[in-house]
Amino acid sequence: MLRTIKNYDPAKGAGLRTWLYKIAANKAVDFFRARAVRIVDTLPLEDAEPVAENDFIDRLADKMWLEQVLAVVGTLPADTQAVFRLRIFGDWTFPQIAGALHLPENTVKSKYHRLLAMLRKEFAGYEGE
């Protein structure tokens, strides 16, 4: 925010709080995009904590499911991705998301609930549910 404060123009109609939300929303989207393609370093086998086989398989299935969900979400328009990520990972309220994305609150709610319905349909047969 401090690096881009010179770009803030209250004459454009956006309040400072809305501008800050927009920066936060963009940073959240950037974070999850970068995280989706990041290569994770692994621990040497001797440093790993012992995990029961069933626990490991359950965790692996959950991670695979989350990756599949994020892959589907990643194909959607940027504003729908932002609504999803801010709501799910950022725990933002609908009014906060609406302000950050400059969308009506009902539009944000509609995008979110349509996306959830689509994901439920897409992953209805997934064994992890």
C-alpha atoms as a PDB file:
ATOM      1  CA  MET A   1       0.000   0.000   0.000  1.00  0.00           C
ATOM      2  CA  LEU A   2       2.772   2.411   0.877  1.00  0.00           C
ATOM      3  CA  ARG A   3       4.456   1.839  -2.499  1.00  0.00           C
ATOM      4  CA  THR A   4       1.270   2.688  -4.400  1.00  0.00           C
ATOM      5  CA  ILE A   5      -0.199   5.453  -2.232  1.00  0.00           C
ATOM      6  CA  LYS A   6       0.817   7.954  -4.901  1.00  0.00           C
ATOM      7  CA  ASN A   7      -1.647   6.205  -7.261  1.00  0.00           C
ATOM      8  CA  TYR A   8      -4.608   6.658  -4.907  1.00  0.00           C
ATOM      9  CA  ASP A   9      -7.017   9.273  -6.226  1.00  0.00           C
ATOM     10  CA  PRO A  10     -10.104   9.981  -4.072  1.00  0.00           C
ATOM     11  CA  ALA A  11     -11.568  11.940  -6.996  1.00  0.00           C
ATOM     12  CA  LYS A  12     -12.149   8.632  -8.803  1.00  0.00           C
ATOM     13  CA  GLY A  13     -14.928   7.891  -6.328  1.00  0.00           C
ATOM     14  CA  ALA A  14     -13.342   5.136  -4.255  1.00  0.00           C
ATOM     15  CA  GLY A  15     -12.772   5.704  -0.569  1.00  0.00           C
ATOM     16  CA  LEU A  16      -9.488   4.870   1.091  1.00  0.00           C
ATOM     17  CA  ARG A  17     -10.975   1.837   2.812  1.00  0.00           C
ATOM     18  CA  THR A  18     -12.297   0.471  -0.504  1.00  0.00           C
ATOM     19  CA  TRP A  19      -8.931   1.074  -2.127  1.00  0.00           C
ATOM     20  CA  LEU A  20      -7.197  -0.835   0.685  1.00  0.00           C
ATOM     21  CA  TYR A  21      -9.667  -3.728   0.337  1.00  0.00           C
ATOM     22  CA  LYS A  22      -8.931  -3.857  -3.376  1.00  0.00           C
ATOM     23  CA  ILE A  23      -5.197  -4.090  -2.700  1.00  0.00           C
ATOM     24  CA  ALA A  24      -5.811  -6.855  -0.143  1.00  0.00           C
ATOM     25  CA  ALA A  25      -8.077  -8.728  -2.553  1.00  0.00           C
ATOM     26  CA  ASN A  26      -5.490  -8.555  -5.317  1.00  0.00           C
ATOM     27  CA  LYS A  27      -2.747  -9.711  -2.961  1.00  0.00           C
ATOM     28  CA  ALA A  28      -4.897 -12.652  -1.814  1.00  0.00           C
ATOM     29  CA  VAL A  29      -5.556 -13.708  -5.408  1.00  0.00           C
ATOM     30  CA  ASP A  30      -1.836 -13.341  -6.242  1.00  0.00           C
ATOM     31  CA  PHE A  31      -0.901 -15.396  -3.181  1.00  0.00           C
ATOM     32  CA  PHE A  32      -3.154 -18.305  -4.101  1.00  0.00           C
ATOM     33  CA  ARG A  33      -2.153 -18.220  -7.756  1.00  0.00           C
ATOM     34  CA  ALA A  34       1.511 -18.382  -6.786  1.00  0.00           C
ATOM     35  CA  ARG A  35       0.839 -21.098  -4.242  1.00  0.00           C
ATOM     36  CA  ALA A  36      -0.964 -23.266  -6.780  1.00  0.00           C
ATOM     37  CA  VAL A  37       2.175 -23.682  -8.889  1.00  0.00           C
ATOM     38  CA  ARG A  38       4.749 -23.596  -6.106  1.00  0.00           C
ATOM     39  CA  ILE A  39       7.003 -26.607  -5.674  1.00  0.00           C
ATOM     40  CA  VAL A  40       6.992 -27.758  -2.085  1.00  0.00           C
ATOM     41  CA  ASP A  41      10.271 -28.818  -0.516  1.00  0.00           C
ATOM     42  CA  THR A  42      10.148 -32.190   1.183  1.00  0.00           C
ATOM     43  CA  LEU A  43      11.683 -33.229   4.459  1.00  0.00           C
ATOM     44  CA  PRO A  44      14.329 -35.924   4.513  1.00  0.00           C
ATOM     45  CA  LEU A  45      12.712 -39.234   5.427  1.00  0.00           C
ATOM     46  CA  GLU A  46      14.534 -39.422   8.761  1.00  0.00           C
ATOM     47  CA  ASP A  47      13.079 -36.009   9.791  1.00  0.00           C
ATOM     48  CA  ALA A  48       9.466 -36.899   8.961  1.00  0.00           C
ATOM     49  CA  GLU A  49       7.015 -37.589  11.763  1.00  0.00           C
ATOM     50  CA  PRO A  50       5.522 -41.073  11.704  1.00  0.00           C
ATOM     51  CA  VAL A  51       1.966 -41.018  10.380  1.00  0.00           C
ATOM     52  CA  ALA A  52      -0.527 -43.869  10.365  1.00  0.00           C
ATOM     53  CA  GLU A  53      -1.176 -45.111   6.829  1.00  0.00           C
ATOM     54  CA  ASN A  54      -4.911 -44.309   6.948  1.00  0.00           C
ATOM     55  CA  ASP A  55      -4.218 -40.786   8.245  1.00  0.00           C
ATOM     56  CA  PHE A  56      -1.738 -40.237   5.440  1.00  0.00           C
ATOM     57  CA  ILE A  57      -4.173 -41.456   2.784  1.00  0.00           C
ATOM     58  CA  ASP A  58      -6.955 -39.254   4.229  1.00  0.00           C
ATOM     59  CA  ARG A  59      -4.684 -36.195   4.192  1.00  0.00           C
ATOM     60  CA  LEU A  60      -3.540 -37.002   0.668  1.00  0.00           C
ATOM     61  CA  ALA A  61      -7.138 -37.334  -0.517  1.00  0.00           C
ATOM     62  CA  ASP A  62      -8.084 -34.020   1.097  1.00  0.00           C
ATOM     63  CA  LYS A  63      -5.096 -32.278  -0.479  1.00  0.00           C
ATOM     64  CA  MET A  64      -5.899 -33.776  -3.856  1.00  0.00           C
ATOM     65  CA  TRP A  65      -9.527 -32.683  -3.496  1.00  0.00           C
ATOM     66  CA  LEU A  66      -8.512 -29.161  -2.547  1.00  0.00           C
ATOM     67  CA  GLU A  67      -6.159 -28.990  -5.533  1.00  0.00           C
ATOM     68  CA  GLN A  68      -8.964 -30.165  -7.821  1.00  0.00           C
ATOM     69  CA  VAL A  69     -11.353 -27.571  -6.395  1.00  0.00           C
ATOM     70  CA  LEU A  70      -8.750 -24.819  -6.807  1.00  0.00           C
ATOM     71  CA  ALA A  71      -8.050 -25.991 -10.354  1.00  0.00           C
ATOM     72  CA  VAL A  72     -11.746 -25.641 -11.222  1.00  0.00           C
ATOM     73  CA  VAL A  73     -11.982 -22.263  -9.480  1.00  0.00           C
ATOM     74  CA  GLY A  74      -8.846 -21.155 -11.333  1.00  0.00           C
ATOM     75  CA  THR A  75     -10.652 -21.496 -14.670  1.00  0.00           C
ATOM     76  CA  LEU A  76     -13.346 -19.004 -13.672  1.00  0.00           C
ATOM     77  CA  PRO A  77     -13.375 -15.227 -14.166  1.00  0.00           C
ATOM     78  CA  ALA A  78     -11.016 -13.319 -11.869  1.00  0.00           C
ATOM     79  CA  ASP A  79     -13.805 -11.639  -9.883  1.00  0.00           C
ATOM     80  CA  THR A  80     -15.451 -15.018  -9.154  1.00  0.00           C
ATOM     81  CA  GLN A  81     -12.084 -16.417  -8.056  1.00  0.00           C
ATOM     82  CA  ALA A  82     -11.575 -13.421  -5.800  1.00  0.00           C
ATOM     83  CA  VAL A  83     -15.024 -13.826  -4.220  1.00  0.00           C
ATOM     84  CA  PHE A  84     -14.323 -17.497  -3.528  1.00  0.00           C
ATOM     85  CA  ARG A  85     -10.834 -17.012  -2.134  1.00  0.00           C
ATOM     86  CA  LEU A  86     -11.681 -14.001   0.013  1.00  0.00           C
ATOM     87  CA  ARG A  87     -14.735 -15.741   1.450  1.00  0.00           C
ATOM     88  CA  ILE A  88     -13.184 -19.186   1.986  1.00  0.00           C
ATOM     89  CA  PHE A  89      -9.546 -18.421   2.783  1.00  0.00           C
ATOM     90  CA  GLY A  90      -9.812 -14.827   3.964  1.00  0.00           C
ATOM     91  CA  ASP A  91     -13.069 -15.287   5.901  1.00  0.00           C
ATOM     92  CA  TRP A  92     -14.246 -11.917   4.584  1.00  0.00           C
ATOM     93  CA  THR A  93     -17.890 -10.902   4.846  1.00  0.00           C
ATOM     94  CA  PHE A  94     -19.982 -10.290   1.750  1.00  0.00           C
ATOM     95  CA  PRO A  95     -20.043  -6.505   2.350  1.00  0.00           C
ATOM     96  CA  GLN A  96     -16.238  -6.448   2.644  1.00  0.00           C
ATOM     97  CA  ILE A  97     -15.830  -8.416  -0.577  1.00  0.00           C
ATOM     98  CA  ALA A  98     -18.359  -6.230  -2.370  1.00  0.00           C
ATOM     99  CA  GLY A  99     -16.487  -3.099  -1.324  1.00  0.00           C
ATOM    100  CA  ALA A 100     -13.105  -4.478  -2.337  1.00  0.00           C
ATOM    101  CA  LEU A 101     -14.275  -5.679  -5.744  1.00  0.00           C
ATOM    102  CA  HIS A 102     -16.572  -2.732  -6.416  1.00  0.00           C
ATOM    103  CA  LEU A 103     -19.554  -5.031  -6.920  1.00  0.00           C
ATOM    104  CA  PRO A 104     -23.041  -4.915  -5.416  1.00  0.00           C
ATOM    105  CA  GLU A 105     -23.326  -7.144  -2.360  1.00  0.00           C
ATOM    106  CA  ASN A 106     -26.124  -9.188  -3.956  1.00  0.00           C
ATOM    107  CA  THR A 107     -23.884  -9.844  -6.974  1.00  0.00           C
ATOM    108  CA  VAL A 108     -21.134 -11.106  -4.670  1.00  0.00           C
ATOM    109  CA  LYS A 109     -23.582 -13.389  -2.848  1.00  0.00           C
ATOM    110  CA  SER A 110     -24.972 -14.648  -6.138  1.00  0.00           C
ATOM    111  CA  LYS A 111     -21.508 -15.401  -7.551  1.00  0.00           C
ATOM    112  CA  TYR A 112     -20.516 -17.200  -4.364  1.00  0.00           C
ATOM    113  CA  HIS A 113     -23.640 -19.341  -4.083  1.00  0.00           C
ATOM    114  CA  ARG A 114     -23.659 -20.206  -7.796  1.00  0.00           C
ATOM    115  CA  LEU A 115     -20.034 -21.249  -7.515  1.00  0.00           C
ATOM    116  CA  LEU A 116     -20.756 -23.437  -4.497  1.00  0.00           C
ATOM    117  CA  ALA A 117     -23.659 -25.084  -6.325  1.00  0.00           C
ATOM    118  CA  MET A 118     -21.436 -25.697  -9.348  1.00  0.00           C
ATOM    119  CA  LEU A 119     -18.684 -27.180  -7.152  1.00  0.00           C
ATOM    120  CA  ARG A 120     -21.155 -29.427  -5.341  1.00  0.00           C
ATOM    121  CA  LYS A 121     -22.400 -30.700  -8.704  1.00  0.00           C
ATOM    122  CA  GLU A 122     -18.863 -31.062 -10.083  1.00  0.00           C
ATOM    123  CA  PHE A 123     -17.640 -33.038  -7.067  1.00  0.00           C
ATOM    124  CA  ALA A 124     -20.856 -34.880  -6.178  1.00  0.00           C
ATOM    125  CA  GLY A 125     -19.289 -38.277  -6.835  1.00  0.00           C
ATOM    126  CA  TYR A 126     -16.030 -37.482  -5.059  1.00  0.00           C
ATOM    127  CA  GLU A 127     -15.347 -40.106  -2.384  1.00  0.00           C
ATOM    128  CA  GLY A 128     -13.897 -37.571   0.064  1.00  0.00           C
ATOM    129  CA  GLU A 129     -17.301 -36.015   0.752  1.00  0.00           C
END
